mmCIF file of all heavy atoms, coordinates in Angstrom:
data_MODEL
# 
_entry.id   MODEL 
# 
loop_
_atom_site.group_PDB 
_atom_site.id 
_atom_site.type_symbol 
_atom_site.label_atom_id 
_atom_site.label_alt_id 
_atom_site.label_comp_id 
_atom_site.label_asym_id 
_atom_site.label_entity_id 
_atom_site.label_seq_id 
_atom_site.pdbx_PDB_ins_code 
_atom_site.Cartn_x 
_atom_site.Cartn_y 
_atom_site.Cartn_z 
_atom_site.occupancy 
_atom_site.B_iso_or_equiv 
_atom_site.pdbx_formal_charge 
_atom_site.auth_seq_id 
_atom_site.auth_comp_id 
_atom_site.auth_asym_id 
_atom_site.auth_atom_id 
_atom_site.pdbx_PDB_model_num 
ATOM 1   N N   . ALA A 1 1  ? 9.784  10.416 20.663 1.00 0.00 ? 1  ALA A N   1 
ATOM 2   C CA  . ALA A 1 1  ? 10.862 11.406 20.565 1.00 0.00 ? 1  ALA A CA  1 
ATOM 3   C C   . ALA A 1 1  ? 10.934 11.977 19.157 1.00 0.00 ? 1  ALA A C   1 
ATOM 4   O O   . ALA A 1 1  ? 11.146 13.179 18.970 1.00 0.00 ? 1  ALA A O   1 
ATOM 5   C CB  . ALA A 1 1  ? 12.201 10.776 20.962 1.00 0.00 ? 1  ALA A CB  1 
ATOM 6   N N   . GLY A 1 2  ? 10.760 11.114 18.164 1.00 0.00 ? 2  GLY A N   1 
ATOM 7   C CA  . GLY A 1 2  ? 10.752 11.598 16.794 1.00 0.00 ? 2  GLY A CA  1 
ATOM 8   C C   . GLY A 1 2  ? 9.651  12.614 16.560 1.00 0.00 ? 2  GLY A C   1 
ATOM 9   O O   . GLY A 1 2  ? 9.879  13.666 15.949 1.00 0.00 ? 2  GLY A O   1 
ATOM 10  N N   . PHE A 1 3  ? 8.456  12.338 17.076 1.00 0.00 ? 3  PHE A N   1 
ATOM 11  C CA  . PHE A 1 3  ? 7.354  13.303 16.974 1.00 0.00 ? 3  PHE A CA  1 
ATOM 12  C C   . PHE A 1 3  ? 7.727  14.612 17.673 1.00 0.00 ? 3  PHE A C   1 
ATOM 13  O O   . PHE A 1 3  ? 7.486  15.704 17.155 1.00 0.00 ? 3  PHE A O   1 
ATOM 14  C CB  . PHE A 1 3  ? 6.088  12.734 17.597 1.00 0.00 ? 3  PHE A CB  1 
ATOM 15  C CG  . PHE A 1 3  ? 5.466  11.572 16.862 1.00 0.00 ? 3  PHE A CG  1 
ATOM 16  C CD1 . PHE A 1 3  ? 4.493  10.795 17.469 1.00 0.00 ? 3  PHE A CD1 1 
ATOM 17  C CD2 . PHE A 1 3  ? 5.850  11.258 15.568 1.00 0.00 ? 3  PHE A CD2 1 
ATOM 18  C CE1 . PHE A 1 3  ? 3.895  9.739  16.799 1.00 0.00 ? 3  PHE A CE1 1 
ATOM 19  C CE2 . PHE A 1 3  ? 5.261  10.186 14.885 1.00 0.00 ? 3  PHE A CE2 1 
ATOM 20  C CZ  . PHE A 1 3  ? 4.277  9.427  15.516 1.00 0.00 ? 3  PHE A CZ  1 
ATOM 21  N N   . ASP A 1 4  ? 8.308  14.484 18.870 1.00 0.00 ? 4  ASP A N   1 
ATOM 22  C CA  . ASP A 1 4  ? 8.645  15.678 19.658 1.00 0.00 ? 4  ASP A CA  1 
ATOM 23  C C   . ASP A 1 4  ? 9.649  16.573 18.938 1.00 0.00 ? 4  ASP A C   1 
ATOM 24  O O   . ASP A 1 4  ? 9.593  17.804 19.062 1.00 0.00 ? 4  ASP A O   1 
ATOM 25  C CB  . ASP A 1 4  ? 9.223  15.267 21.021 1.00 0.00 ? 4  ASP A CB  1 
ATOM 26  C CG  . ASP A 1 4  ? 8.178  14.657 21.945 1.00 0.00 ? 4  ASP A CG  1 
ATOM 27  O OD1 . ASP A 1 4  ? 6.974  14.829 21.689 1.00 0.00 ? 4  ASP A OD1 1 
ATOM 28  O OD2 . ASP A 1 4  ? 8.581  14.000 22.926 1.00 0.00 ? 4  ASP A OD2 1 
ATOM 29  N N   . TYR A 1 5  ? 10.588 15.972 18.209 1.00 0.00 ? 5  TYR A N   1 
ATOM 30  C CA  . TYR A 1 5  ? 11.656 16.742 17.568 1.00 0.00 ? 5  TYR A CA  1 
ATOM 31  C C   . TYR A 1 5  ? 11.360 17.065 16.097 1.00 0.00 ? 5  TYR A C   1 
ATOM 32  O O   . TYR A 1 5  ? 12.219 17.601 15.406 1.00 0.00 ? 5  TYR A O   1 
ATOM 33  C CB  . TYR A 1 5  ? 12.988 15.996 17.695 1.00 0.00 ? 5  TYR A CB  1 
ATOM 34  C CG  . TYR A 1 5  ? 13.601 16.125 19.073 1.00 0.00 ? 5  TYR A CG  1 
ATOM 35  C CD1 . TYR A 1 5  ? 13.264 15.240 20.087 1.00 0.00 ? 5  TYR A CD1 1 
ATOM 36  C CD2 . TYR A 1 5  ? 14.489 17.159 19.363 1.00 0.00 ? 5  TYR A CD2 1 
ATOM 37  C CE1 . TYR A 1 5  ? 13.809 15.364 21.364 1.00 0.00 ? 5  TYR A CE1 1 
ATOM 38  C CE2 . TYR A 1 5  ? 15.038 17.286 20.627 1.00 0.00 ? 5  TYR A CE2 1 
ATOM 39  C CZ  . TYR A 1 5  ? 14.692 16.390 21.623 1.00 0.00 ? 5  TYR A CZ  1 
ATOM 40  O OH  . TYR A 1 5  ? 15.227 16.516 22.886 1.00 0.00 ? 5  TYR A OH  1 
ATOM 41  N N   . THR A 1 6  ? 10.154 16.772 15.659 1.00 0.00 ? 6  THR A N   1 
ATOM 42  C CA  . THR A 1 6  ? 9.764  17.097 14.286 1.00 0.00 ? 6  THR A CA  1 
ATOM 43  C C   . THR A 1 6  ? 9.259  18.536 14.212 1.00 0.00 ? 6  THR A C   1 
ATOM 44  O O   . THR A 1 6  ? 8.477  18.978 15.055 1.00 0.00 ? 6  THR A O   1 
ATOM 45  C CB  . THR A 1 6  ? 8.660  16.133 13.803 1.00 0.00 ? 6  THR A CB  1 
ATOM 46  O OG1 . THR A 1 6  ? 9.227  14.831 13.615 1.00 0.00 ? 6  THR A OG1 1 
ATOM 47  C CG2 . THR A 1 6  ? 8.045  16.600 12.494 1.00 0.00 ? 6  THR A CG2 1 
ATOM 48  N N   . ASP A 1 7  ? 9.701  19.261 13.183 1.00 0.00 ? 7  ASP A N   1 
ATOM 49  C CA  . ASP A 1 7  ? 9.272  20.651 13.001 1.00 0.00 ? 7  ASP A CA  1 
ATOM 50  C C   . ASP A 1 7  ? 8.703  20.883 11.599 1.00 0.00 ? 7  ASP A C   1 
ATOM 51  O O   . ASP A 1 7  ? 8.702  22.004 11.100 1.00 0.00 ? 7  ASP A O   1 
ATOM 52  C CB  . ASP A 1 7  ? 10.443 21.610 13.255 1.00 0.00 ? 7  ASP A CB  1 
ATOM 53  C CG  . ASP A 1 7  ? 11.646 21.338 12.357 1.00 0.00 ? 7  ASP A CG  1 
ATOM 54  O OD1 . ASP A 1 7  ? 11.554 20.445 11.483 1.00 0.00 ? 7  ASP A OD1 1 
ATOM 55  O OD2 . ASP A 1 7  ? 12.672 22.017 12.528 1.00 0.00 ? 7  ASP A OD2 1 
ATOM 56  N N   . THR A 1 8  ? 8.233  19.804 10.969 1.00 0.00 ? 8  THR A N   1 
ATOM 57  C CA  . THR A 1 8  ? 7.635  19.898 9.643  1.00 0.00 ? 8  THR A CA  1 
ATOM 58  C C   . THR A 1 8  ? 6.145  19.582 9.730  1.00 0.00 ? 8  THR A C   1 
ATOM 59  O O   . THR A 1 8  ? 5.698  18.945 10.685 1.00 0.00 ? 8  THR A O   1 
ATOM 60  C CB  . THR A 1 8  ? 8.305  18.910 8.675  1.00 0.00 ? 8  THR A CB  1 
ATOM 61  O OG1 . THR A 1 8  ? 8.250  17.584 9.244  1.00 0.00 ? 8  THR A OG1 1 
ATOM 62  C CG2 . THR A 1 8  ? 9.751  19.292 8.420  1.00 0.00 ? 8  THR A CG2 1 
ATOM 63  N N   . PRO A 1 9  ? 5.342  19.973 8.744  1.00 0.00 ? 9  PRO A N   1 
ATOM 64  C CA  . PRO A 1 9  ? 3.895  19.717 8.804  1.00 0.00 ? 9  PRO A CA  1 
ATOM 65  C C   . PRO A 1 9  ? 3.531  18.238 8.763  1.00 0.00 ? 9  PRO A C   1 
ATOM 66  O O   . PRO A 1 9  ? 2.491  17.837 9.285  1.00 0.00 ? 9  PRO A O   1 
ATOM 67  C CB  . PRO A 1 9  ? 3.352  20.440 7.567  1.00 0.00 ? 9  PRO A CB  1 
ATOM 68  C CG  . PRO A 1 9  ? 4.392  21.436 7.189  1.00 0.00 ? 9  PRO A CG  1 
ATOM 69  C CD  . PRO A 1 9  ? 5.695  20.838 7.595  1.00 0.00 ? 9  PRO A CD  1 
ATOM 70  N N   . LEU A 1 10 ? 4.394  17.418 8.163  1.00 0.00 ? 10 LEU A N   1 
ATOM 71  C CA  . LEU A 1 10 ? 4.140  15.987 8.046  1.00 0.00 ? 10 LEU A CA  1 
ATOM 72  C C   . LEU A 1 10 ? 5.278  15.201 8.674  1.00 0.00 ? 10 LEU A C   1 
ATOM 73  O O   . LEU A 1 10 ? 6.438  15.618 8.621  1.00 0.00 ? 10 LEU A O   1 
ATOM 74  C CB  . LEU A 1 10 ? 4.002  15.576 6.576  1.00 0.00 ? 10 LEU A CB  1 
ATOM 75  C CG  . LEU A 1 10 ? 2.867  16.214 5.775  1.00 0.00 ? 10 LEU A CG  1 
ATOM 76  C CD1 . LEU A 1 10 ? 2.964  15.804 4.303  1.00 0.00 ? 10 LEU A CD1 1 
ATOM 77  C CD2 . LEU A 1 10 ? 1.509  15.837 6.346  1.00 0.00 ? 10 LEU A CD2 1 
ATOM 78  N N   . VAL A 1 11 ? 4.934  14.069 9.257  1.00 0.00 ? 11 VAL A N   1 
ATOM 79  C CA  . VAL A 1 11 ? 5.940  13.198 9.865  1.00 0.00 ? 11 VAL A CA  1 
ATOM 80  C C   . VAL A 1 11 ? 5.594  11.757 9.511  1.00 0.00 ? 11 VAL A C   1 
ATOM 81  O O   . VAL A 1 11 ? 4.420  11.386 9.398  1.00 0.00 ? 11 VAL A O   1 
ATOM 82  C CB  . VAL A 1 11 ? 6.004  13.393 11.399 1.00 0.00 ? 11 VAL A CB  1 
ATOM 83  C CG1 . VAL A 1 11 ? 4.688  13.042 12.064 1.00 0.00 ? 11 VAL A CG1 1 
ATOM 84  C CG2 . VAL A 1 11 ? 7.148  12.596 12.013 1.00 0.00 ? 11 VAL A CG2 1 
ATOM 85  N N   . GLY A 1 12 ? 6.628  10.959 9.297  1.00 0.00 ? 12 GLY A N   1 
ATOM 86  C CA  . GLY A 1 12 ? 6.426  9.540  9.046  1.00 0.00 ? 12 GLY A CA  1 
ATOM 87  C C   . GLY A 1 12 ? 7.535  8.742  9.685  1.00 0.00 ? 12 GLY A C   1 
ATOM 88  O O   . GLY A 1 12 ? 8.477  9.303  10.246 1.00 0.00 ? 12 GLY A O   1 
ATOM 89  N N   . TYR A 1 13 ? 7.419  7.424  9.643  1.00 0.00 ? 13 TYR A N   1 
ATOM 90  C CA  . TYR A 1 13 ? 8.547  6.627  10.112 1.00 0.00 ? 13 TYR A CA  1 
ATOM 91  C C   . TYR A 1 13 ? 8.652  5.322  9.341  1.00 0.00 ? 13 TYR A C   1 
ATOM 92  O O   . TYR A 1 13 ? 7.691  4.840  8.741  1.00 0.00 ? 13 TYR A O   1 
ATOM 93  C CB  . TYR A 1 13 ? 8.498  6.392  11.625 1.00 0.00 ? 13 TYR A CB  1 
ATOM 94  C CG  . TYR A 1 13 ? 7.469  5.400  12.126 1.00 0.00 ? 13 TYR A CG  1 
ATOM 95  C CD1 . TYR A 1 13 ? 7.750  4.043  12.207 1.00 0.00 ? 13 TYR A CD1 1 
ATOM 96  C CD2 . TYR A 1 13 ? 6.227  5.836  12.573 1.00 0.00 ? 13 TYR A CD2 1 
ATOM 97  C CE1 . TYR A 1 13 ? 6.817  3.143  12.686 1.00 0.00 ? 13 TYR A CE1 1 
ATOM 98  C CE2 . TYR A 1 13 ? 5.282  4.945  13.061 1.00 0.00 ? 13 TYR A CE2 1 
ATOM 99  C CZ  . TYR A 1 13 ? 5.577  3.593  13.112 1.00 0.00 ? 13 TYR A CZ  1 
ATOM 100 O OH  . TYR A 1 13 ? 4.645  2.699  13.580 1.00 0.00 ? 13 TYR A OH  1 
ATOM 101 N N   . ILE A 1 14 ? 9.865  4.809  9.335  1.00 0.00 ? 14 ILE A N   1 
ATOM 102 C CA  . ILE A 1 14 ? 10.180 3.546  8.688  1.00 0.00 ? 14 ILE A CA  1 
ATOM 103 C C   . ILE A 1 14 ? 11.209 2.839  9.553  1.00 0.00 ? 14 ILE A C   1 
ATOM 104 O O   . ILE A 1 14 ? 12.079 3.481  10.143 1.00 0.00 ? 14 ILE A O   1 
ATOM 105 C CB  . ILE A 1 14 ? 10.715 3.781  7.255  1.00 0.00 ? 14 ILE A CB  1 
ATOM 106 C CG1 . ILE A 1 14 ? 10.946 2.455  6.523  1.00 0.00 ? 14 ILE A CG1 1 
ATOM 107 C CG2 . ILE A 1 14 ? 11.993 4.619  7.268  1.00 0.00 ? 14 ILE A CG2 1 
ATOM 108 C CD1 . ILE A 1 14 ? 11.263 2.634  5.039  1.00 0.00 ? 14 ILE A CD1 1 
ATOM 109 N N   . ASP A 1 15 ? 11.121 1.516  9.650  1.00 0.00 ? 15 ASP A N   1 
ATOM 110 C CA  . ASP A 1 15 ? 12.092 0.759  10.440 1.00 0.00 ? 15 ASP A CA  1 
ATOM 111 C C   . ASP A 1 15 ? 13.446 0.719  9.740  1.00 0.00 ? 15 ASP A C   1 
ATOM 112 O O   . ASP A 1 15 ? 13.522 0.701  8.500  1.00 0.00 ? 15 ASP A O   1 
ATOM 113 C CB  . ASP A 1 15 ? 11.605 -0.674 10.664 1.00 0.00 ? 15 ASP A CB  1 
ATOM 114 C CG  . ASP A 1 15 ? 10.626 -0.783 11.815 1.00 0.00 ? 15 ASP A CG  1 
ATOM 115 O OD1 . ASP A 1 15 ? 10.375 0.246  12.472 1.00 0.00 ? 15 ASP A OD1 1 
ATOM 116 O OD2 . ASP A 1 15 ? 10.100 -1.894 12.039 1.00 0.00 ? 15 ASP A OD2 1 
ATOM 117 N N   . SER A 1 16 ? 14.507 0.648  10.530 1.00 0.00 ? 16 SER A N   1 
ATOM 118 C CA  . SER A 1 16 ? 15.854 0.624  9.972  1.00 0.00 ? 16 SER A CA  1 
ATOM 119 C C   . SER A 1 16 ? 16.215 -0.720 9.359  1.00 0.00 ? 16 SER A C   1 
ATOM 120 O O   . SER A 1 16 ? 17.271 -0.828 8.719  1.00 0.00 ? 16 SER A O   1 
ATOM 121 C CB  . SER A 1 16 ? 16.875 0.991  11.057 1.00 0.00 ? 16 SER A CB  1 
ATOM 122 O OG  . SER A 1 16 ? 16.696 0.205  12.210 1.00 0.00 ? 16 SER A OG  1 
ATOM 123 N N   . ASP A 1 17 ? 15.366 -1.745 9.524  1.00 0.00 ? 17 ASP A N   1 
ATOM 124 C CA  . ASP A 1 17 ? 15.655 -3.014 8.844  1.00 0.00 ? 17 ASP A CA  1 
ATOM 125 C C   . ASP A 1 17 ? 15.277 -2.966 7.363  1.00 0.00 ? 17 ASP A C   1 
ATOM 126 O O   . ASP A 1 17 ? 15.635 -3.854 6.598  1.00 0.00 ? 17 ASP A O   1 
ATOM 127 C CB  . ASP A 1 17 ? 14.965 -4.189 9.538  1.00 0.00 ? 17 ASP A CB  1 
ATOM 128 C CG  . ASP A 1 17 ? 13.445 -4.060 9.575  1.00 0.00 ? 17 ASP A CG  1 
ATOM 129 O OD1 . ASP A 1 17 ? 12.874 -3.274 8.785  1.00 0.00 ? 17 ASP A OD1 1 
ATOM 130 O OD2 . ASP A 1 17 ? 12.813 -4.746 10.392 1.00 0.00 ? 17 ASP A OD2 1 
ATOM 131 N N   . LEU A 1 18 ? 14.541 -1.921 6.957  1.00 0.00 ? 18 LEU A N   1 
ATOM 132 C CA  . LEU A 1 18 ? 14.147 -1.704 5.564  1.00 0.00 ? 18 LEU A CA  1 
ATOM 133 C C   . LEU A 1 18 ? 13.423 -2.914 4.969  1.00 0.00 ? 18 LEU A C   1 
ATOM 134 O O   . LEU A 1 18 ? 13.599 -3.246 3.790  1.00 0.00 ? 18 LEU A O   1 
ATOM 135 C CB  . LEU A 1 18 ? 15.352 -1.336 4.698  1.00 0.00 ? 18 LEU A CB  1 
ATOM 136 C CG  . LEU A 1 18 ? 15.985 0.037  4.979  1.00 0.00 ? 18 LEU A CG  1 
ATOM 137 C CD1 . LEU A 1 18 ? 17.110 0.301  3.990  1.00 0.00 ? 18 LEU A CD1 1 
ATOM 138 C CD2 . LEU A 1 18 ? 14.948 1.146  4.896  1.00 0.00 ? 18 LEU A CD2 1 
ATOM 139 N N   . GLN A 1 19 ? 12.561 -3.546 5.764  1.00 0.00 ? 19 GLN A N   1 
ATOM 140 C CA  . GLN A 1 19 ? 11.673 -4.560 5.188  1.00 0.00 ? 19 GLN A CA  1 
ATOM 141 C C   . GLN A 1 19 ? 10.528 -3.902 4.424  1.00 0.00 ? 19 GLN A C   1 
ATOM 142 O O   . GLN A 1 19 ? 9.768  -4.589 3.739  1.00 0.00 ? 19 GLN A O   1 
ATOM 143 C CB  . GLN A 1 19 ? 11.143 -5.493 6.280  1.00 0.00 ? 19 GLN A CB  1 
ATOM 144 C CG  . GLN A 1 19 ? 12.180 -6.487 6.781  1.00 0.00 ? 19 GLN A CG  1 
ATOM 145 C CD  . GLN A 1 19 ? 11.582 -7.583 7.622  1.00 0.00 ? 19 GLN A CD  1 
ATOM 146 O OE1 . GLN A 1 19 ? 11.677 -7.579 8.845  1.00 0.00 ? 19 GLN A OE1 1 
ATOM 147 N NE2 . GLN A 1 19 ? 10.956 -8.543 6.968  1.00 0.00 ? 19 GLN A NE2 1 
ATOM 148 N N   . THR A 1 20 ? 10.398 -2.596 4.572  1.00 0.00 ? 20 THR A N   1 
ATOM 149 C CA  . THR A 1 20 ? 9.537  -1.808 3.699  1.00 0.00 ? 20 THR A CA  1 
ATOM 150 C C   . THR A 1 20 ? 10.419 -0.812 2.953  1.00 0.00 ? 20 THR A C   1 
ATOM 151 O O   . THR A 1 20 ? 11.509 -0.480 3.400  1.00 0.00 ? 20 THR A O   1 
ATOM 152 C CB  . THR A 1 20 ? 8.449  -1.066 4.490  1.00 0.00 ? 20 THR A CB  1 
ATOM 153 O OG1 . THR A 1 20 ? 9.074  -0.305 5.541  1.00 0.00 ? 20 THR A OG1 1 
ATOM 154 C CG2 . THR A 1 20 ? 7.458  -2.047 5.107  1.00 0.00 ? 20 THR A CG2 1 
ATOM 155 N N   . SER A 1 21 ? 9.933  -0.336 1.817  1.00 0.00 ? 21 SER A N   1 
ATOM 156 C CA  . SER A 1 21 ? 10.741 0.543  0.978  1.00 0.00 ? 21 SER A CA  1 
ATOM 157 C C   . SER A 1 21 ? 10.366 1.998  1.198  1.00 0.00 ? 21 SER A C   1 
ATOM 158 O O   . SER A 1 21 ? 9.176  2.346  1.185  1.00 0.00 ? 21 SER A O   1 
ATOM 159 C CB  . SER A 1 21 ? 10.532 0.197  -0.496 1.00 0.00 ? 21 SER A CB  1 
ATOM 160 O OG  . SER A 1 21 ? 11.136 1.174  -1.327 1.00 0.00 ? 21 SER A OG  1 
ATOM 161 N N   . PRO A 1 22 ? 11.351 2.887  1.378  1.00 0.00 ? 22 PRO A N   1 
ATOM 162 C CA  . PRO A 1 22 ? 11.025 4.308  1.503  1.00 0.00 ? 22 PRO A CA  1 
ATOM 163 C C   . PRO A 1 22 ? 10.311 4.854  0.273  1.00 0.00 ? 22 PRO A C   1 
ATOM 164 O O   . PRO A 1 22 ? 9.543  5.814  0.379  1.00 0.00 ? 22 PRO A O   1 
ATOM 165 C CB  . PRO A 1 22 ? 12.391 4.979  1.711  1.00 0.00 ? 22 PRO A CB  1 
ATOM 166 C CG  . PRO A 1 22 ? 13.406 3.969  1.323  1.00 0.00 ? 22 PRO A CG  1 
ATOM 167 C CD  . PRO A 1 22 ? 12.792 2.637  1.544  1.00 0.00 ? 22 PRO A CD  1 
ATOM 168 N N   . GLU A 1 23 ? 10.514 4.243  -0.889 1.00 0.00 ? 23 GLU A N   1 
ATOM 169 C CA  . GLU A 1 23 ? 9.815  4.702  -2.092 1.00 0.00 ? 23 GLU A CA  1 
ATOM 170 C C   . GLU A 1 23 ? 8.300  4.664  -1.913 1.00 0.00 ? 23 GLU A C   1 
ATOM 171 O O   . GLU A 1 23 ? 7.575  5.468  -2.504 1.00 0.00 ? 23 GLU A O   1 
ATOM 172 C CB  . GLU A 1 23 ? 10.212 3.848  -3.302 1.00 0.00 ? 23 GLU A CB  1 
ATOM 173 C CG  . GLU A 1 23 ? 11.644 4.036  -3.751 1.00 0.00 ? 23 GLU A CG  1 
ATOM 174 C CD  . GLU A 1 23 ? 11.957 3.197  -4.977 1.00 0.00 ? 23 GLU A CD  1 
ATOM 175 O OE1 . GLU A 1 23 ? 11.010 2.557  -5.512 1.00 0.00 ? 23 GLU A OE1 1 
ATOM 176 O OE2 . GLU A 1 23 ? 13.120 3.169  -5.387 1.00 0.00 ? 23 GLU A OE2 1 
ATOM 177 N N   . ASP A 1 24 ? 7.821  3.723  -1.078 1.00 0.00 ? 24 ASP A N   1 
ATOM 178 C CA  . ASP A 1 24 ? 6.379  3.585  -0.882 1.00 0.00 ? 24 ASP A CA  1 
ATOM 179 C C   . ASP A 1 24 ? 5.787  4.698  -0.022 1.00 0.00 ? 24 ASP A C   1 
ATOM 180 O O   . ASP A 1 24 ? 4.557  4.808  0.079  1.00 0.00 ? 24 ASP A O   1 
ATOM 181 C CB  . ASP A 1 24 ? 6.056  2.216  -0.288 1.00 0.00 ? 24 ASP A CB  1 
ATOM 182 C CG  . ASP A 1 24 ? 6.213  1.097  -1.325 1.00 0.00 ? 24 ASP A CG  1 
ATOM 183 O OD1 . ASP A 1 24 ? 6.349  1.423  -2.525 1.00 0.00 ? 24 ASP A OD1 1 
ATOM 184 O OD2 . ASP A 1 24 ? 6.201  -0.088 -0.941 1.00 0.00 ? 24 ASP A OD2 1 
ATOM 185 N N   . PHE A 1 25 ? 6.650  5.537  0.589  1.00 0.00 ? 25 PHE A N   1 
ATOM 186 C CA  . PHE A 1 25 ? 6.116  6.739  1.229  1.00 0.00 ? 25 PHE A CA  1 
ATOM 187 C C   . PHE A 1 25 ? 5.316  7.568  0.222  1.00 0.00 ? 25 PHE A C   1 
ATOM 188 O O   . PHE A 1 25 ? 4.322  8.205  0.585  1.00 0.00 ? 25 PHE A O   1 
ATOM 189 C CB  . PHE A 1 25 ? 7.243  7.602  1.804  1.00 0.00 ? 25 PHE A CB  1 
ATOM 190 C CG  . PHE A 1 25 ? 7.649  7.259  3.195  1.00 0.00 ? 25 PHE A CG  1 
ATOM 191 C CD1 . PHE A 1 25 ? 8.977  6.949  3.478  1.00 0.00 ? 25 PHE A CD1 1 
ATOM 192 C CD2 . PHE A 1 25 ? 6.734  7.265  4.236  1.00 0.00 ? 25 PHE A CD2 1 
ATOM 193 C CE1 . PHE A 1 25 ? 9.371  6.651  4.779  1.00 0.00 ? 25 PHE A CE1 1 
ATOM 194 C CE2 . PHE A 1 25 ? 7.115  6.958  5.538  1.00 0.00 ? 25 PHE A CE2 1 
ATOM 195 C CZ  . PHE A 1 25 ? 8.437  6.653  5.810  1.00 0.00 ? 25 PHE A CZ  1 
ATOM 196 N N   . ASN A 1 26 ? 5.741  7.569  -1.041 1.00 0.00 ? 26 ASN A N   1 
ATOM 197 C CA  . ASN A 1 26 ? 5.023  8.356  -2.042 1.00 0.00 ? 26 ASN A CA  1 
ATOM 198 C C   . ASN A 1 26 ? 3.588  7.864  -2.228 1.00 0.00 ? 26 ASN A C   1 
ATOM 199 O O   . ASN A 1 26 ? 2.681  8.661  -2.512 1.00 0.00 ? 26 ASN A O   1 
ATOM 200 C CB  . ASN A 1 26 ? 5.766  8.338  -3.377 1.00 0.00 ? 26 ASN A CB  1 
ATOM 201 C CG  . ASN A 1 26 ? 6.965  9.268  -3.381 1.00 0.00 ? 26 ASN A CG  1 
ATOM 202 O OD1 . ASN A 1 26 ? 7.162  10.050 -2.454 1.00 0.00 ? 26 ASN A OD1 1 
ATOM 203 N ND2 . ASN A 1 26 ? 7.780  9.183  -4.424 1.00 0.00 ? 26 ASN A ND2 1 
ATOM 204 N N   . LEU A 1 27 ? 3.368  6.558  -2.068 1.00 0.00 ? 27 LEU A N   1 
ATOM 205 C CA  . LEU A 1 27 ? 2.011  6.018  -2.140 1.00 0.00 ? 27 LEU A CA  1 
ATOM 206 C C   . LEU A 1 27 ? 1.148  6.572  -1.005 1.00 0.00 ? 27 LEU A C   1 
ATOM 207 O O   . LEU A 1 27 ? -0.030 6.882  -1.199 1.00 0.00 ? 27 LEU A O   1 
ATOM 208 C CB  . LEU A 1 27 ? 2.037  4.492  -2.070 1.00 0.00 ? 27 LEU A CB  1 
ATOM 209 C CG  . LEU A 1 27 ? 2.793  3.754  -3.181 1.00 0.00 ? 27 LEU A CG  1 
ATOM 210 C CD1 . LEU A 1 27 ? 2.805  2.257  -2.899 1.00 0.00 ? 27 LEU A CD1 1 
ATOM 211 C CD2 . LEU A 1 27 ? 2.145  4.040  -4.527 1.00 0.00 ? 27 LEU A CD2 1 
ATOM 212 N N   . LEU A 1 28 ? 1.752  6.688  0.182  1.00 0.00 ? 28 LEU A N   1 
ATOM 213 C CA  . LEU A 1 28 ? 1.009  7.200  1.338  1.00 0.00 ? 28 LEU A CA  1 
ATOM 214 C C   . LEU A 1 28 ? 0.785  8.702  1.226  1.00 0.00 ? 28 LEU A C   1 
ATOM 215 O O   . LEU A 1 28 ? -0.287 9.217  1.575  1.00 0.00 ? 28 LEU A O   1 
ATOM 216 C CB  . LEU A 1 28 ? 1.759  6.862  2.631  1.00 0.00 ? 28 LEU A CB  1 
ATOM 217 C CG  . LEU A 1 28 ? 2.174  5.399  2.853  1.00 0.00 ? 28 LEU A CG  1 
ATOM 218 C CD1 . LEU A 1 28 ? 2.717  5.226  4.270  1.00 0.00 ? 28 LEU A CD1 1 
ATOM 219 C CD2 . LEU A 1 28 ? 1.024  4.439  2.610  1.00 0.00 ? 28 LEU A CD2 1 
ATOM 220 N N   . LEU A 1 29 ? 1.807  9.409  0.753  1.00 0.00 ? 29 LEU A N   1 
ATOM 221 C CA  . LEU A 1 29 ? 1.712  10.867 0.642  1.00 0.00 ? 29 LEU A CA  1 
ATOM 222 C C   . LEU A 1 29 ? 0.626  11.303 -0.335 1.00 0.00 ? 29 LEU A C   1 
ATOM 223 O O   . LEU A 1 29 ? 0.094  12.410 -0.215 1.00 0.00 ? 29 LEU A O   1 
ATOM 224 C CB  . LEU A 1 29 ? 3.059  11.448 0.229  1.00 0.00 ? 29 LEU A CB  1 
ATOM 225 C CG  . LEU A 1 29 ? 4.157  11.422 1.304  1.00 0.00 ? 29 LEU A CG  1 
ATOM 226 C CD1 . LEU A 1 29 ? 5.515  11.739 0.687  1.00 0.00 ? 29 LEU A CD1 1 
ATOM 227 C CD2 . LEU A 1 29 ? 3.840  12.387 2.438  1.00 0.00 ? 29 LEU A CD2 1 
# 
């Protein structure tokens, strides 16, 4: 559903338990 409702060139996801840090998206980007 997230993919379906995305309208940007890039899409990512992170779990809401935050066992990973959103800051690390920059490493992937």
